[in-house]
PDB file of all heavy atoms in Angstrom:
ATOM      1  N   ILE A   1     -26.371  12.678  -7.947  1.00  0.00           N
ATOM      2  CA  ILE A   1     -27.297  12.215  -8.979  1.00  0.00           C
ATOM      3  C   ILE A   1     -27.614  10.734  -8.840  1.00  0.00           C
ATOM      4  O   ILE A   1     -28.554  10.229  -9.440  1.00  0.00           O
ATOM      5  CB  ILE A   1     -26.757  12.505 -10.393  1.00  0.00           C
ATOM      6  CG1 ILE A   1     -25.443  11.760 -10.637  1.00  0.00           C
ATOM      7  CG2 ILE A   1     -26.587  14.000 -10.610  1.00  0.00           C
ATOM      8  CD1 ILE A   1     -24.987  11.825 -12.086  1.00  0.00           C
ATOM      9  N   GLN A   2     -26.828  10.036  -8.032  1.00  0.00           N
ATOM     10  CA  GLN A   2     -27.084   8.607  -7.821  1.00  0.00           C
ATOM     11  C   GLN A   2     -26.300   8.134  -6.618  1.00  0.00           C
ATOM     12  O   GLN A   2     -25.244   8.680  -6.303  1.00  0.00           O
ATOM     13  CB  GLN A   2     -26.686   7.794  -9.058  1.00  0.00           C
ATOM     14  CG  GLN A   2     -27.046   6.308  -8.972  1.00  0.00           C
ATOM     15  CD  GLN A   2     -26.668   5.570 -10.248  1.00  0.00           C
ATOM     16  OE1 GLN A   2     -26.600   6.165 -11.319  1.00  0.00           O
ATOM     17  NE2 GLN A   2     -26.422   4.287 -10.124  1.00  0.00           N
ATOM     18  N   THR A   3     -26.811   7.126  -5.923  1.00  0.00           N
ATOM     19  CA  THR A   3     -26.076   6.510  -4.829  1.00  0.00           C
ATOM     20  C   THR A   3     -26.319   5.006  -4.851  1.00  0.00           C
ATOM     21  O   THR A   3     -27.338   4.539  -5.365  1.00  0.00           O
ATOM     22  CB  THR A   3     -26.514   7.089  -3.469  1.00  0.00           C
ATOM     23  OG1 THR A   3     -25.720   6.534  -2.430  1.00  0.00           O
ATOM     24  CG2 THR A   3     -27.969   6.784  -3.177  1.00  0.00           C
ATOM     25  N   SER A   4     -25.388   4.241  -4.321  1.00  0.00           N
ATOM     26  CA  SER A   4     -25.557   2.797  -4.254  1.00  0.00           C
ATOM     27  C   SER A   4     -26.653   2.451  -3.261  1.00  0.00           C
ATOM     28  O   SER A   4     -26.994   3.238  -2.382  1.00  0.00           O
ATOM     29  CB  SER A   4     -24.240   2.124  -3.847  1.00  0.00           C
ATOM     30  OG  SER A   4     -23.820   2.586  -2.575  1.00  0.00           O
ATOM     31  N   ASP A   5     -27.188   1.260  -3.390  1.00  0.00           N
ATOM     32  CA  ASP A   5     -28.265   0.820  -2.520  1.00  0.00           C
ATOM     33  C   ASP A   5     -27.817   0.788  -1.064  1.00  0.00           C
ATOM     34  O   ASP A   5     -26.773   0.253  -0.735  1.00  0.00           O
ATOM     35  CB  ASP A   5     -28.724  -0.585  -2.946  1.00  0.00           C
ATOM     36  CG  ASP A   5     -29.945  -1.038  -2.163  1.00  0.00           C
ATOM     37  OD1 ASP A   5     -29.743  -1.594  -1.071  1.00  0.00           O
ATOM     38  OD2 ASP A   5     -31.067  -0.821  -2.633  1.00  0.00           O
ATOM     39  N   LEU A   6     -28.596   1.369  -0.190  1.00  0.00           N
ATOM     40  CA  LEU A   6     -28.216   1.481   1.219  1.00  0.00           C
ATOM     41  C   LEU A   6     -28.083   0.118   1.873  1.00  0.00           C
ATOM     42  O   LEU A   6     -27.170  -0.122   2.653  1.00  0.00           O
ATOM     43  CB  LEU A   6     -29.245   2.328   1.968  1.00  0.00           C
ATOM     44  CG  LEU A   6     -29.022   2.492   3.472  1.00  0.00           C
ATOM     45  CD1 LEU A   6     -27.673   3.130   3.740  1.00  0.00           C
ATOM     46  CD2 LEU A   6     -30.139   3.307   4.096  1.00  0.00           C
ATOM     47  N   MET A   7     -28.980  -0.799   1.566  1.00  0.00           N
ATOM     48  CA  MET A   7     -28.919  -2.109   2.202  1.00  0.00           C
ATOM     49  C   MET A   7     -27.661  -2.859   1.762  1.00  0.00           C
ATOM     50  O   MET A   7     -27.015  -3.530   2.550  1.00  0.00           O
ATOM     51  CB  MET A   7     -30.170  -2.927   1.848  1.00  0.00           C
ATOM     52  CG  MET A   7     -31.476  -2.250   2.265  1.00  0.00           C
ATOM     53  SD  MET A   7     -31.498  -1.795   4.024  1.00  0.00           S
ATOM     54  CE  MET A   7     -31.577  -3.423   4.762  1.00  0.00           C
ATOM     55  N   GLN A   8     -27.279  -2.724   0.485  1.00  0.00           N
ATOM     56  CA  GLN A   8     -26.033  -3.339   0.039  1.00  0.00           C
ATOM     57  C   GLN A   8     -24.842  -2.676   0.709  1.00  0.00           C
ATOM     58  O   GLN A   8     -23.872  -3.338   1.075  1.00  0.00           O
ATOM     59  CB  GLN A   8     -25.914  -3.204  -1.482  1.00  0.00           C
ATOM     60  CG  GLN A   8     -26.938  -4.028  -2.254  1.00  0.00           C
ATOM     61  CD  GLN A   8     -26.801  -3.829  -3.748  1.00  0.00           C
ATOM     62  OE1 GLN A   8     -25.992  -3.028  -4.208  1.00  0.00           O
ATOM     63  NE2 GLN A   8     -27.611  -4.553  -4.515  1.00  0.00           N
ATOM     64  N   ALA A   9     -24.916  -1.368   0.885  1.00  0.00           N
ATOM     65  CA  ALA A   9     -23.814  -0.649   1.519  1.00  0.00           C
ATOM     66  C   ALA A   9     -23.605  -1.117   2.940  1.00  0.00           C
ATOM     67  O   ALA A   9     -22.475  -1.232   3.408  1.00  0.00           O
ATOM     68  CB  ALA A   9     -24.096   0.860   1.493  1.00  0.00           C
ATOM     69  N   LYS A  10     -24.689  -1.382   3.659  1.00  0.00           N
ATOM     70  CA  LYS A  10     -24.563  -1.838   5.037  1.00  0.00           C
ATOM     71  C   LYS A  10     -23.865  -3.196   5.104  1.00  0.00           C
ATOM     72  O   LYS A  10     -23.197  -3.499   6.079  1.00  0.00           O
ATOM     73  CB  LYS A  10     -25.942  -1.918   5.697  1.00  0.00           C
ATOM     74  CG  LYS A  10     -26.552  -0.558   5.984  1.00  0.00           C
ATOM     75  CD  LYS A  10     -27.906  -0.739   6.633  1.00  0.00           C
ATOM     76  CE  LYS A  10     -28.564   0.613   6.883  1.00  0.00           C
ATOM     77  NZ  LYS A  10     -27.779   1.451   7.793  1.00  0.00           N
ATOM     78  N   ALA A  11     -24.031  -3.989   4.049  1.00  0.00           N
ATOM     79  CA  ALA A  11     -23.442  -5.326   4.057  1.00  0.00           C
ATOM     80  C   ALA A  11     -22.003  -5.335   3.544  1.00  0.00           C
ATOM     81  O   ALA A  11     -21.321  -6.342   3.635  1.00  0.00           O
ATOM     82  CB  ALA A  11     -24.296  -6.268   3.201  1.00  0.00           C
ATOM     83  N   SER A  12     -21.546  -4.190   3.009  1.00  0.00           N
ATOM     84  CA  SER A  12     -20.211  -4.193   2.409  1.00  0.00           C
ATOM     85  C   SER A  12     -19.425  -2.956   2.828  1.00  0.00           C
ATOM     86  O   SER A  12     -19.562  -1.897   2.244  1.00  0.00           O
ATOM     87  CB  SER A  12     -20.330  -4.241   0.883  1.00  0.00           C
ATOM     88  OG  SER A  12     -21.059  -3.116   0.423  1.00  0.00           O
ATOM     89  N   ASN A  13     -18.655  -3.129   3.883  1.00  0.00           N
ATOM     90  CA  ASN A  13     -17.638  -2.149   4.279  1.00  0.00           C
ATOM     91  C   ASN A  13     -18.177  -0.811   4.749  1.00  0.00           C
ATOM     92  O   ASN A  13     -17.437   0.161   4.821  1.00  0.00           O
ATOM     93  CB  ASN A  13     -16.664  -1.909   3.119  1.00  0.00           C
ATOM     94  CG  ASN A  13     -15.971  -3.179   2.698  1.00  0.00           C
ATOM     95  OD1 ASN A  13     -15.652  -4.019   3.528  1.00  0.00           O
ATOM     96  ND2 ASN A  13     -15.765  -3.331   1.408  1.00  0.00           N
ATOM     97  N   ASN A  14     -19.451  -0.737   5.094  1.00  0.00           N
ATOM     98  CA  ASN A  14     -20.000   0.495   5.650  1.00  0.00           C
ATOM     99  C   ASN A  14     -19.691   1.709   4.777  1.00  0.00           C
ATOM    100  O   ASN A  14     -19.290   2.755   5.271  1.00  0.00           O
ATOM    101  CB  ASN A  14     -19.460   0.748   7.068  1.00  0.00           C
ATOM    102  CG  ASN A  14     -19.856  -0.359   8.020  1.00  0.00           C
ATOM    103  OD1 ASN A  14     -20.758  -1.128   7.742  1.00  0.00           O
ATOM    104  ND2 ASN A  14     -19.180  -0.429   9.149  1.00  0.00           N
ATOM    105  N   SER A  15     -19.878   1.596   3.489  1.00  0.00           N
ATOM    106  CA  SER A  15     -19.617   2.729   2.606  1.00  0.00           C
ATOM    107  C   SER A  15     -20.727   2.834   1.570  1.00  0.00           C
ATOM    108  O   SER A  15     -21.409   1.861   1.259  1.00  0.00           O
ATOM    109  CB  SER A  15     -18.264   2.597   1.907  1.00  0.00           C
ATOM    110  OG  SER A  15     -18.273   1.484   1.041  1.00  0.00           O
ATOM    111  N   VAL A  16     -20.883   4.042   1.067  1.00  0.00           N
ATOM    112  CA  VAL A  16     -21.881   4.320   0.047  1.00  0.00           C
ATOM    113  C   VAL A  16     -21.178   4.954  -1.138  1.00  0.00           C
ATOM    114  O   VAL A  16     -20.345   5.855  -0.972  1.00  0.00           O
ATOM    115  CB  VAL A  16     -22.977   5.271   0.586  1.00  0.00           C
ATOM    116  CG1 VAL A  16     -23.927   5.669  -0.524  1.00  0.00           C
ATOM    117  CG2 VAL A  16     -23.740   4.619   1.718  1.00  0.00           C
ATOM    118  N   LYS A  17     -21.487   4.505  -2.332  1.00  0.00           N
ATOM    119  CA  LYS A  17     -20.904   5.075  -3.538  1.00  0.00           C
ATOM    120  C   LYS A  17     -21.805   6.203  -4.019  1.00  0.00           C
ATOM    121  O   LYS A  17     -22.980   5.990  -4.339  1.00  0.00           O
ATOM    122  CB  LYS A  17     -20.748   4.013  -4.612  1.00  0.00           C
ATOM    123  CG  LYS A  17     -19.943   4.480  -5.833  1.00  0.00           C
ATOM    124  CD  LYS A  17     -19.836   3.367  -6.873  1.00  0.00           C
ATOM    125  CE  LYS A  17     -19.069   2.177  -6.355  1.00  0.00           C
ATOM    126  NZ  LYS A  17     -17.645   2.494  -6.075  1.00  0.00           N
ATOM    127  N   LEU A  18     -21.258   7.410  -4.079  1.00  0.00           N
ATOM    128  CA  LEU A  18     -22.004   8.574  -4.531  1.00  0.00           C
ATOM    129  C   LEU A  18     -21.524   8.999  -5.912  1.00  0.00           C
ATOM    130  O   LEU A  18     -20.327   9.001  -6.188  1.00  0.00           O
ATOM    131  CB  LEU A  18     -21.807   9.754  -3.569  1.00  0.00           C
ATOM    132  CG  LEU A  18     -22.226   9.565  -2.116  1.00  0.00           C
ATOM    133  CD1 LEU A  18     -21.930  10.844  -1.338  1.00  0.00           C
ATOM    134  CD2 LEU A  18     -23.701   9.230  -2.018  1.00  0.00           C
ATOM    135  N   LEU A  19     -22.463   9.371  -6.772  1.00  0.00           N
ATOM    136  CA  LEU A  19     -22.143   9.987  -8.046  1.00  0.00           C
ATOM    137  C   LEU A  19     -22.522  11.456  -7.941  1.00  0.00           C
ATOM    138  O   LEU A  19     -23.697  11.791  -7.714  1.00  0.00           O
ATOM    139  CB  LEU A  19     -22.894   9.325  -9.203  1.00  0.00           C
ATOM    140  CG  LEU A  19     -22.197   8.128  -9.870  1.00  0.00           C
ATOM    141  CD1 LEU A  19     -22.028   6.985  -8.873  1.00  0.00           C
ATOM    142  CD2 LEU A  19     -22.972   7.664 -11.083  1.00  0.00           C
ATOM    143  N   LEU A  20     -21.536  12.330  -8.060  1.00  0.00           N
ATOM    144  CA  LEU A  20     -21.712  13.765  -7.865  1.00  0.00           C
ATOM    145  C   LEU A  20     -21.404  14.494  -9.168  1.00  0.00           C
ATOM    146  O   LEU A  20     -20.384  14.225  -9.803  1.00  0.00           O
ATOM    147  CB  LEU A  20     -20.782  14.271  -6.760  1.00  0.00           C
ATOM    148  CG  LEU A  20     -21.016  13.654  -5.379  1.00  0.00           C
ATOM    149  CD1 LEU A  20     -19.712  13.495  -4.633  1.00  0.00           C
ATOM    150  CD2 LEU A  20     -21.969  14.515  -4.576  1.00  0.00           C
ATOM    151  N   ARG A  21     -22.279  15.425  -9.539  1.00  0.00           N
ATOM    152  CA  ARG A  21     -22.083  16.154 -10.791  1.00  0.00           C
ATOM    153  C   ARG A  21     -21.715  17.607 -10.524  1.00  0.00           C
ATOM    154  O   ARG A  21     -22.356  18.292  -9.729  1.00  0.00           O
ATOM    155  CB  ARG A  21     -23.351  16.107 -11.645  1.00  0.00           C
ATOM    156  CG  ARG A  21     -23.225  16.869 -12.979  1.00  0.00           C
ATOM    157  CD  ARG A  21     -24.410  16.609 -13.877  1.00  0.00           C
ATOM    158  NE  ARG A  21     -25.651  16.869 -13.162  1.00  0.00           N
ATOM    159  CZ  ARG A  21     -26.815  16.287 -13.452  1.00  0.00           C
ATOM    160  NH1 ARG A  21     -26.871  15.390 -14.420  1.00  0.00           N
ATOM    161  NH2 ARG A  21     -27.907  16.585 -12.780  1.00  0.00           N
ATOM    162  N   ASN A  22     -20.673  18.077 -11.213  1.00  0.00           N
ATOM    163  CA  ASN A  22     -20.279  19.474 -11.146  1.00  0.00           C
ATOM    164  C   ASN A  22     -21.144  20.272 -12.116  1.00  0.00           C
ATOM    165  O   ASN A  22     -20.942  20.241 -13.324  1.00  0.00           O
ATOM    166  CB  ASN A  22     -18.794  19.633 -11.505  1.00  0.00           C
ATOM    167  CG  ASN A  22     -18.336  21.089 -11.486  1.00  0.00           C
ATOM    168  OD1 ASN A  22     -19.099  21.996 -11.158  1.00  0.00           O
ATOM    169  ND2 ASN A  22     -17.087  21.315 -11.841  1.00  0.00           N
ATOM    170  N   GLY A  23     -22.111  21.002 -11.562  1.00  0.00           N
ATOM    171  CA  GLY A  23     -22.997  21.805 -12.388  1.00  0.00           C
ATOM    172  C   GLY A  23     -22.551  23.242 -12.544  1.00  0.00           C
ATOM    173  O   GLY A  23     -23.299  24.073 -13.082  1.00  0.00           O
ATOM    174  N   TYR A  24     -21.342  23.550 -12.082  1.00  0.00           N
ATOM    175  CA  TYR A  24     -20.807  24.905 -12.219  1.00  0.00           C
ATOM    176  C   TYR A  24     -20.055  25.037 -13.547  1.00  0.00           C
ATOM    177  O   TYR A  24     -19.786  24.047 -14.227  1.00  0.00           O
ATOM    178  CB  TYR A  24     -19.839  25.213 -11.070  1.00  0.00           C
ATOM    179  CG  TYR A  24     -20.445  25.173  -9.691  1.00  0.00           C
ATOM    180  CD1 TYR A  24     -20.385  24.017  -8.924  1.00  0.00           C
ATOM    181  CD2 TYR A  24     -21.055  26.301  -9.146  1.00  0.00           C
ATOM    182  CE1 TYR A  24     -20.917  23.979  -7.643  1.00  0.00           C
ATOM    183  CE2 TYR A  24     -21.594  26.272  -7.863  1.00  0.00           C
ATOM    184  CZ  TYR A  24     -21.520  25.112  -7.122  1.00  0.00           C
ATOM    185  OH  TYR A  24     -22.049  25.079  -5.857  1.00  0.00           O
TER     186      TYR A  24
END
């Protein structure tokens, strides 16, 4: 449902913050 900005992710530890929702 949301992810951190890709350009910021490239500048900080090569990671992306994902927000995942359990719709089950």
